[in-house]
Amino acid sequence: MKNTVLATILLIFFSSSIYSQNSNSTIQVGDTFTIGEAYNDNYKHINFPNANFIIKKGGIASYSNIKGEKVEVTSIEEKKDGSLVATIQLTSKRQFFNSHKYVTVVINEAIRNKELMKI
């Protein structure tokens, strides 16, 4: 009797752990996207640095230079609330605004709002 109960509990545990994994994410490291246009250059889901930080590092705080640029996903991290935060860099290996090599982005929201477009 104990073996049957134990086997049933283990079966339930393993079957639930298989279904609990998040397999619906189709975004992987190495995927390429294009930066889209945002209304009034107000990117809500791409975490570009503030203009004062760009200028302090010797960069040019102009969003017109990044529209249409191709970016590559370098890492993906899942937050506690379930959102995916990816780190992106330009595929040309240049820097954003001539001052920042990497930028983080809430990837699903950015795609939904067309701030990033899959190539």
Foldseek 3Di string as FASTA:
>chain_A
DVVVVVVVVVVVVVVVVVVVDDPPDPDDFFFKKFFADDVVNDDDFWDDDDPVVLVVQPFAPDPVVRHGFMKGWHDWDADPVGFIKTKIATPVQAADRNGHGIIIGRPVVCCVRVRIGGD
